């Protein structure tokens, strides 16, 4: 007879919620496994790290949306700057996603460039949605940029244009 009253008091007590386990990892709420982008660097990337600015445009599709918004894809534009070369770098960026439902999200974040043995460059951009749909969420965009002009990194003008497949995740 007393057990239901005790349980009711514990679950209704504000202090009972203070002991609830913290959320240790964000759940992925939207994932878009198919995408592509083209990027443009100014000045071009060489093997010597230097200050560069960049722009990119692309799209993602095949999205699995667990938020109930019915998103199937997005187009995006990115701009940013940082110190980068053909083999490594660190950049800051701003990306605007235009979702398939007509809404948008603006993400501000950072990125790290890492070259892989096959000549492709992996660029991982991680950021936070500062405005629009999913404000406050974490966004990770992983790009595999295929360097089809292997001599460009050795030239004075450097590698100015690159593109390849990307994936996108949004975690609320």
Protein backbone atom coordinates (compact mmCIF):
# COMPACT_ATOMS: atom_id res chain seq x y z
CA UNK A 1 0.00 0.00 0.00
CA UNK A 2 2.83 2.39 0.83
CA UNK A 3 4.97 1.35 -2.16
CA UNK A 4 2.81 3.15 -4.76
CA UNK A 5 2.92 6.34 -2.66
CA UNK A 6 6.70 6.13 -2.24
CA UNK A 7 7.21 5.51 -5.97
CA UNK A 8 4.89 8.38 -6.84
CA UNK A 9 6.81 10.70 -4.51
CA UNK A 10 10.20 9.68 -5.94
CA UNK A 11 9.15 10.10 -9.58
CA UNK A 12 7.38 13.40 -8.89
CA UNK A 13 10.29 14.76 -6.88
CA UNK A 14 12.42 17.34 -8.73
CA UNK A 15 15.55 15.91 -7.11
CA UNK A 16 14.85 12.51 -8.64
CA UNK A 17 15.44 13.99 -12.08
CA UNK A 18 18.77 15.44 -11.00
CA UNK A 19 20.17 11.91 -10.90
CA UNK A 20 19.07 11.00 -14.40
CA UNK A 21 22.03 10.02 -16.59
CA UNK A 22 23.28 12.77 -18.84
CA UNK A 23 23.01 12.31 -22.59
CA UNK A 24 26.54 11.22 -23.45
CA UNK A 25 26.34 11.24 -27.22
CA UNK A 26 24.12 13.11 -29.62
CA UNK A 27 21.84 10.96 -31.70
CA UNK A 28 21.94 11.42 -35.45
CA UNK A 29 18.58 12.86 -36.45
CA UNK A 30 19.23 13.44 -40.15
CA UNK A 31 21.75 11.63 -42.30
CA UNK A 32 22.30 12.24 -46.00
CA UNK A 33 24.65 9.58 -47.40
CA UNK A 34 24.70 10.77 -51.01
CA UNK A 35 26.08 14.11 -52.14
CA UNK A 36 28.63 15.99 -54.17
CA UNK A 37 30.35 19.34 -54.13
CA UNK A 38 32.75 21.49 -56.08
CA UNK A 39 35.15 23.78 -54.27
CA UNK A 40 37.28 26.73 -55.30
CA UNK A 41 40.43 27.96 -53.47
CA UNK A 42 42.00 31.40 -53.70
CA UNK A 43 44.98 31.35 -53.89
CA UNK A 44 45.25 27.73 -54.99
CA UNK A 45 46.50 25.04 -52.66
CA UNK A 46 50.19 24.09 -52.93
CA UNK A 47 52.40 21.87 -50.77
CA UNK A 48 53.33 24.90 -48.66
CA UNK A 49 50.67 25.89 -46.10
CA UNK A 50 49.31 29.38 -46.68
CA UNK A 51 46.31 31.54 -45.93
CA UNK A 52 43.48 30.73 -48.37
CA UNK A 53 39.82 31.52 -48.81
CA UNK A 54 37.37 29.11 -50.40
CA UNK A 55 33.85 28.72 -51.66
CA UNK A 56 31.93 25.54 -52.40
CA UNK A 57 28.53 24.52 -53.66
CA UNK A 58 26.82 21.19 -53.79
CA UNK A 59 23.92 19.03 -52.76
CA UNK A 60 23.00 16.04 -50.61
CA UNK A 61 20.21 13.52 -51.10
CA UNK A 62 18.90 10.17 -49.96
CA UNK A 63 18.38 11.67 -46.51
CA UNK A 64 16.98 9.64 -43.65
CA UNK A 65 15.10 12.16 -41.50
CA UNK A 66 14.10 11.03 -38.00
CA UNK A 67 12.84 14.53 -37.07
CA UNK A 68 9.50 14.18 -38.84
CA UNK A 69 10.24 17.07 -41.23
CA UNK A 70 10.25 14.79 -44.27
CA UNK A 71 13.57 16.11 -45.57
CA UNK A 72 14.90 14.27 -48.61
CA UNK A 73 17.89 16.47 -49.46
CA UNK A 74 19.43 19.92 -49.60
CA UNK A 75 21.57 22.18 -51.71
CA UNK A 76 24.28 24.20 -49.98
CA UNK A 77 26.85 26.94 -50.36
CA UNK A 78 29.96 27.31 -48.20
CA UNK A 79 32.55 30.02 -47.73
CA UNK A 80 35.52 30.15 -45.42
CA UNK A 81 39.20 30.69 -44.86
CA UNK A 82 42.18 29.29 -43.04
CA UNK A 83 45.70 27.98 -43.40
CA UNK A 84 45.81 25.07 -45.82
CA UNK A 85 47.94 23.13 -48.26
CA UNK A 86 47.41 20.15 -50.55
CA UNK A 87 48.23 17.84 -47.64
CA UNK A 88 46.76 19.43 -44.50
CA UNK A 89 45.03 22.43 -43.07
CA UNK A 90 42.60 23.99 -40.66
CA UNK A 91 39.75 26.24 -41.77
CA UNK A 92 36.71 28.07 -40.46
CA UNK A 93 33.55 28.18 -42.54
CA UNK A 94 29.92 29.21 -42.89
CA UNK A 95 27.51 26.95 -44.77
CA UNK A 96 23.88 27.53 -45.68
CA UNK A 97 21.73 24.49 -46.42
CA UNK A 98 18.52 24.95 -48.41
CA UNK A 99 16.40 21.94 -47.43
CA UNK A 100 13.94 20.13 -49.68
CA UNK A 101 11.00 21.51 -47.65
CA UNK A 102 11.95 25.14 -48.41
CA UNK A 103 13.53 25.94 -45.03
CA UNK A 104 17.23 26.65 -44.47
CA UNK A 105 19.95 26.22 -41.85
CA UNK A 106 23.09 28.32 -41.43
CA UNK A 107 26.03 26.48 -39.88
CA UNK A 108 29.24 28.00 -38.53
CA UNK A 109 32.15 25.71 -37.85
CA UNK A 110 35.66 24.52 -38.44
CA UNK A 111 37.29 21.94 -40.63
CA UNK A 112 40.39 19.81 -40.88
CA UNK A 113 42.05 18.69 -44.12
CA UNK A 114 43.79 15.33 -44.27
CA UNK A 115 45.29 13.85 -47.45
CA UNK A 116 44.95 10.13 -48.06
CA UNK A 117 47.45 7.87 -49.87
CA UNK A 118 45.38 7.56 -53.06
CA UNK A 119 45.63 11.31 -53.76
CA UNK A 120 42.20 12.19 -52.44
CA UNK A 121 41.77 14.73 -49.68
CA UNK A 122 39.33 14.17 -46.83
CA UNK A 123 37.85 17.36 -45.40
CA UNK A 124 35.64 17.09 -42.31
CA UNK A 125 33.63 20.20 -41.46
CA UNK A 126 31.98 20.26 -38.04
CA UNK A 127 29.73 23.08 -36.94
CA UNK A 128 26.70 24.29 -35.07
CA UNK A 129 23.49 25.53 -36.65
CA UNK A 130 23.34 29.20 -35.66
CA UNK A 131 20.02 30.00 -37.35
CA UNK A 132 17.12 28.39 -39.13
CA UNK A 133 15.96 24.79 -39.03
CA UNK A 134 17.78 22.74 -36.33
CA UNK A 135 19.22 25.78 -34.48
CA UNK A 136 21.75 24.50 -31.94
CA UNK A 137 22.28 21.14 -33.65
CA UNK A 138 25.69 19.75 -34.59
CA UNK A 139 26.36 19.22 -38.29
CA UNK A 140 29.17 17.10 -39.72
CA UNK A 141 29.92 17.18 -43.43
CA UNK A 142 32.57 14.71 -44.66
CA UNK A 143 34.02 15.37 -48.12
CA UNK A 144 36.31 13.21 -50.20
CA UNK A 145 37.78 15.65 -52.69
CA UNK A 146 39.34 13.96 -55.67
CA UNK A 147 42.47 15.65 -57.00
CA UNK A 148 42.32 14.88 -60.71
CA UNK A 149 45.16 17.33 -61.49
CA UNK A 150 48.05 15.85 -59.50
CA UNK A 151 50.54 18.40 -60.86
CA UNK A 152 48.50 21.41 -59.71
CA UNK A 153 49.90 21.32 -56.16
CA UNK A 154 53.41 21.78 -57.65
CA UNK A 155 52.46 24.75 -59.85
CA UNK A 156 52.73 28.41 -58.75
CA UNK A 157 48.94 28.86 -59.04
CA UNK A 158 48.23 25.66 -57.08
CA UNK A 159 45.09 23.56 -56.98
CA UNK A 160 42.18 25.98 -57.42
CA UNK A 161 39.21 23.68 -58.14
CA UNK A 162 38.33 20.32 -56.63
CA UNK A 163 35.20 18.23 -56.19
CA UNK A 164 33.91 14.91 -55.00
CA UNK A 165 31.38 12.98 -52.95
CA UNK A 166 30.15 14.09 -49.52
CA UNK A 167 27.98 12.87 -46.66
CA UNK A 168 26.08 14.92 -44.07
CA UNK A 169 24.76 14.26 -40.57
CA UNK A 170 22.71 16.47 -38.23
CA UNK A 171 22.54 15.65 -34.51
CA UNK A 172 20.11 17.55 -32.29
